[in-house]
Amino acid sequence: MELQIILGILGAASVASAFVYALKGLLDQIPDLIRSWRRVLDEARRSHPAPSPEPEEPRSSPGSPDGQ
């Protein structure tokens, strides 16, 4: 019975250790992922420039000589 308890503790510790190791590897990749995403967004913005606003034509008011 004692051997099963010891093996259970060692097995749980191994699973926890593998989980922490995998989680650390994932978290180490997040800064690179964010930098890559920002580069993608920057390139998308550069390739599709915002349209420049068109100059509006001056409108004549009803009381002006041009508005008649």
N, C-alpha and C. Protein backbone atom coordinates (compact mmCIF):
# COMPACT_ATOMS: atom_id res chain seq x y z
N MET A 1 0.82 -1.19 0.00
CA MET A 1 0.00 0.00 0.00
C MET A 1 0.86 1.26 0.00
N GLU A 2 1.95 1.23 0.81
CA GLU A 2 2.83 2.39 0.87
C GLU A 2 3.48 2.66 -0.49
N LEU A 3 3.79 1.60 -1.20
CA LEU A 3 4.42 1.74 -2.51
C LEU A 3 3.47 2.43 -3.49
N GLN A 4 2.19 2.12 -3.44
CA GLN A 4 1.21 2.76 -4.33
C GLN A 4 1.08 4.24 -4.01
N ILE A 5 1.14 4.60 -2.75
CA ILE A 5 1.06 6.02 -2.36
C ILE A 5 2.26 6.77 -2.90
N ILE A 6 3.44 6.18 -2.73
CA ILE A 6 4.67 6.81 -3.22
C ILE A 6 4.62 6.96 -4.74
N LEU A 7 4.19 5.90 -5.43
CA LEU A 7 4.10 5.98 -6.89
C LEU A 7 3.05 7.02 -7.33
N GLY A 8 1.97 7.13 -6.59
CA GLY A 8 0.96 8.14 -6.90
C GLY A 8 1.51 9.55 -6.73
N ILE A 9 2.26 9.77 -5.66
CA ILE A 9 2.87 11.10 -5.42
C ILE A 9 3.88 11.41 -6.51
N LEU A 10 4.72 10.45 -6.86
CA LEU A 10 5.71 10.68 -7.92
C LEU A 10 5.04 10.92 -9.26
N GLY A 11 3.96 10.18 -9.54
CA GLY A 11 3.24 10.38 -10.80
C GLY A 11 2.60 11.76 -10.86
N ALA A 12 1.98 12.19 -9.76
CA ALA A 12 1.36 13.52 -9.73
C ALA A 12 2.41 14.61 -9.87
N ALA A 13 3.54 14.43 -9.23
CA ALA A 13 4.62 15.42 -9.34
C ALA A 13 5.15 15.49 -10.76
N SER A 14 5.23 14.34 -11.42
CA SER A 14 5.70 14.32 -12.81
C SER A 14 4.72 15.04 -13.73
N VAL A 15 3.44 14.79 -13.54
CA VAL A 15 2.42 15.46 -14.37
C VAL A 15 2.46 16.96 -14.12
N ALA A 16 2.56 17.37 -12.87
CA ALA A 16 2.62 18.80 -12.54
C ALA A 16 3.87 19.44 -13.14
N SER A 17 4.99 18.73 -13.07
CA SER A 17 6.24 19.25 -13.63
C SER A 17 6.14 19.40 -15.14
N ALA A 18 5.57 18.43 -15.82
CA ALA A 18 5.41 18.51 -17.27
C ALA A 18 4.47 19.65 -17.65
N PHE A 19 3.40 19.83 -16.87
CA PHE A 19 2.46 20.92 -17.13
C PHE A 19 3.13 22.27 -16.96
N VAL A 20 3.90 22.46 -15.90
CA VAL A 20 4.60 23.73 -15.66
C VAL A 20 5.62 23.98 -16.77
N TYR A 21 6.33 22.95 -17.19
CA TYR A 21 7.32 23.10 -18.26
C TYR A 21 6.64 23.52 -19.57
N ALA A 22 5.53 22.88 -19.90
CA ALA A 22 4.81 23.24 -21.13
C ALA A 22 4.23 24.65 -21.04
N LEU A 23 3.70 25.01 -19.87
CA LEU A 23 3.15 26.35 -19.68
C LEU A 23 4.24 27.41 -19.81
N LYS A 24 5.43 27.14 -19.25
CA LYS A 24 6.54 28.09 -19.37
C LYS A 24 6.94 28.27 -20.83
N GLY A 25 6.99 27.19 -21.58
CA GLY A 25 7.32 27.28 -23.00
C GLY A 25 6.30 28.10 -23.76
N LEU A 26 5.03 27.93 -23.43
CA LEU A 26 3.97 28.71 -24.08
C LEU A 26 4.08 30.19 -23.73
N LEU A 27 4.29 30.48 -22.46
CA LEU A 27 4.39 31.88 -22.02
C LEU A 27 5.63 32.57 -22.59
N ASP A 28 6.70 31.83 -22.81
CA ASP A 28 7.90 32.41 -23.41
C ASP A 28 7.67 32.84 -24.85
N GLN A 29 6.70 32.24 -25.53
CA GLN A 29 6.43 32.55 -26.93
C GLN A 29 5.50 33.75 -27.10
N ILE A 30 4.81 34.16 -26.06
CA ILE A 30 3.82 35.24 -26.18
C ILE A 30 4.44 36.56 -26.64
N PRO A 31 5.57 37.03 -26.07
CA PRO A 31 6.13 38.31 -26.56
C PRO A 31 6.46 38.28 -28.06
N ASP A 32 7.01 37.17 -28.55
CA ASP A 32 7.30 37.06 -29.98
C ASP A 32 6.02 37.07 -30.80
N LEU A 33 4.99 36.43 -30.30
CA LEU A 33 3.71 36.40 -30.99
C LEU A 33 3.11 37.81 -31.09
N ILE A 34 3.20 38.57 -30.02
CA ILE A 34 2.68 39.95 -30.02
C ILE A 34 3.46 40.81 -31.00
N ARG A 35 4.79 40.68 -31.00
CA ARG A 35 5.62 41.45 -31.95
C ARG A 35 5.25 41.10 -33.39
N SER A 36 5.06 39.83 -33.67
CA SER A 36 4.70 39.41 -35.03
C SER A 36 3.33 39.96 -35.42
N TRP A 37 2.38 39.93 -34.52
CA TRP A 37 1.04 40.45 -34.81
C TRP A 37 1.09 41.94 -35.10
N ARG A 38 1.91 42.68 -34.34
CA ARG A 38 2.05 44.12 -34.58
C ARG A 38 2.67 44.39 -35.94
N ARG A 39 3.64 43.55 -36.34
CA ARG A 39 4.24 43.71 -37.67
C ARG A 39 3.21 43.46 -38.76
N VAL A 40 2.36 42.47 -38.57
CA VAL A 40 1.31 42.18 -39.54
C VAL A 40 0.37 43.38 -39.66
N LEU A 41 -0.04 43.93 -38.52
CA LEU A 41 -0.93 45.09 -38.55
C LEU A 41 -0.28 46.30 -39.22
N ASP A 42 1.01 46.53 -38.92
CA ASP A 42 1.72 47.65 -39.54
C ASP A 42 1.79 47.49 -41.05
N GLU A 43 2.09 46.28 -41.50
CA GLU A 43 2.15 46.04 -42.95
C GLU A 43 0.78 46.21 -43.59
N ALA A 44 -0.25 45.78 -42.92
CA ALA A 44 -1.61 45.92 -43.46
C ALA A 44 -1.98 47.39 -43.58
N ARG A 45 -1.59 48.18 -42.60
CA ARG A 45 -1.89 49.61 -42.65
C ARG A 45 -1.09 50.30 -43.76
N ARG A 46 0.14 49.87 -43.96
CA ARG A 46 0.97 50.49 -45.01
C ARG A 46 0.46 50.13 -46.40
N SER A 47 -0.02 48.91 -46.58
CA SER A 47 -0.45 48.48 -47.91
C SER A 47 -1.81 49.04 -48.28
N HIS A 48 -2.60 49.45 -47.29
CA HIS A 48 -3.92 50.03 -47.54
C HIS A 48 -3.98 51.40 -46.87
N PRO A 49 -3.42 52.43 -47.53
CA PRO A 49 -3.45 53.75 -46.90
C PRO A 49 -4.88 54.27 -46.81
N ALA A 50 -5.11 55.05 -45.80
CA ALA A 50 -6.44 55.64 -45.61
C ALA A 50 -6.70 56.63 -46.73
N PRO A 51 -7.90 56.65 -47.28
CA PRO A 51 -8.19 57.58 -48.36
C PRO A 51 -8.14 59.02 -47.84
N SER A 52 -7.56 59.87 -48.68
CA SER A 52 -7.47 61.27 -48.28
C SER A 52 -8.84 61.92 -48.48
N PRO A 53 -9.21 62.80 -47.58
CA PRO A 53 -10.52 63.45 -47.74
C PRO A 53 -10.53 64.36 -48.96
N GLU A 54 -11.62 64.27 -49.71
CA GLU A 54 -11.73 65.10 -50.91
C GLU A 54 -12.10 66.51 -50.51
N PRO A 55 -11.52 67.50 -51.17
CA PRO A 55 -11.89 68.88 -50.83
C PRO A 55 -13.34 69.16 -51.21
N GLU A 56 -14.04 69.80 -50.32
CA GLU A 56 -15.44 70.10 -50.59
C GLU A 56 -15.55 71.33 -51.47
N GLU A 57 -16.54 71.30 -52.34
CA GLU A 57 -16.79 72.46 -53.18
C GLU A 57 -17.51 73.50 -52.34
N PRO A 58 -17.16 74.77 -52.52
CA PRO A 58 -17.84 75.78 -51.74
C PRO A 58 -19.31 75.86 -52.13
N ARG A 59 -20.15 75.87 -51.14
CA ARG A 59 -21.59 75.93 -51.38
C ARG A 59 -22.03 77.38 -51.27
N SER A 60 -22.92 77.75 -52.13
CA SER A 60 -23.43 79.11 -52.06
C SER A 60 -24.67 79.13 -51.19
N SER A 61 -24.82 80.16 -50.45
CA SER A 61 -25.99 80.27 -49.57
C SER A 61 -27.14 80.87 -50.37
N PRO A 62 -28.37 80.63 -49.95
CA PRO A 62 -29.53 81.08 -50.72
C PRO A 62 -29.58 82.61 -50.87
N GLY A 63 -29.03 83.36 -49.94
CA GLY A 63 -29.10 84.80 -50.04
C GLY A 63 -27.97 85.42 -50.83
N SER A 64 -27.01 84.65 -51.26
CA SER A 64 -25.87 85.21 -52.00
C SER A 64 -26.21 85.32 -53.46
N PRO A 65 -25.46 86.12 -54.19
CA PRO A 65 -25.73 86.27 -55.61
C PRO A 65 -25.55 84.98 -56.39
N ASP A 66 -24.65 84.07 -55.95
CA ASP A 66 -24.43 82.82 -56.67
C ASP A 66 -25.58 81.84 -56.45
N GLY A 67 -26.34 81.99 -55.38
CA GLY A 67 -27.38 81.03 -55.06
C GLY A 67 -28.69 81.27 -55.75
N GLN A 68 -28.78 82.20 -56.64
CA GLN A 68 -30.05 82.48 -57.32
C GLN A 68 -30.20 81.76 -58.60
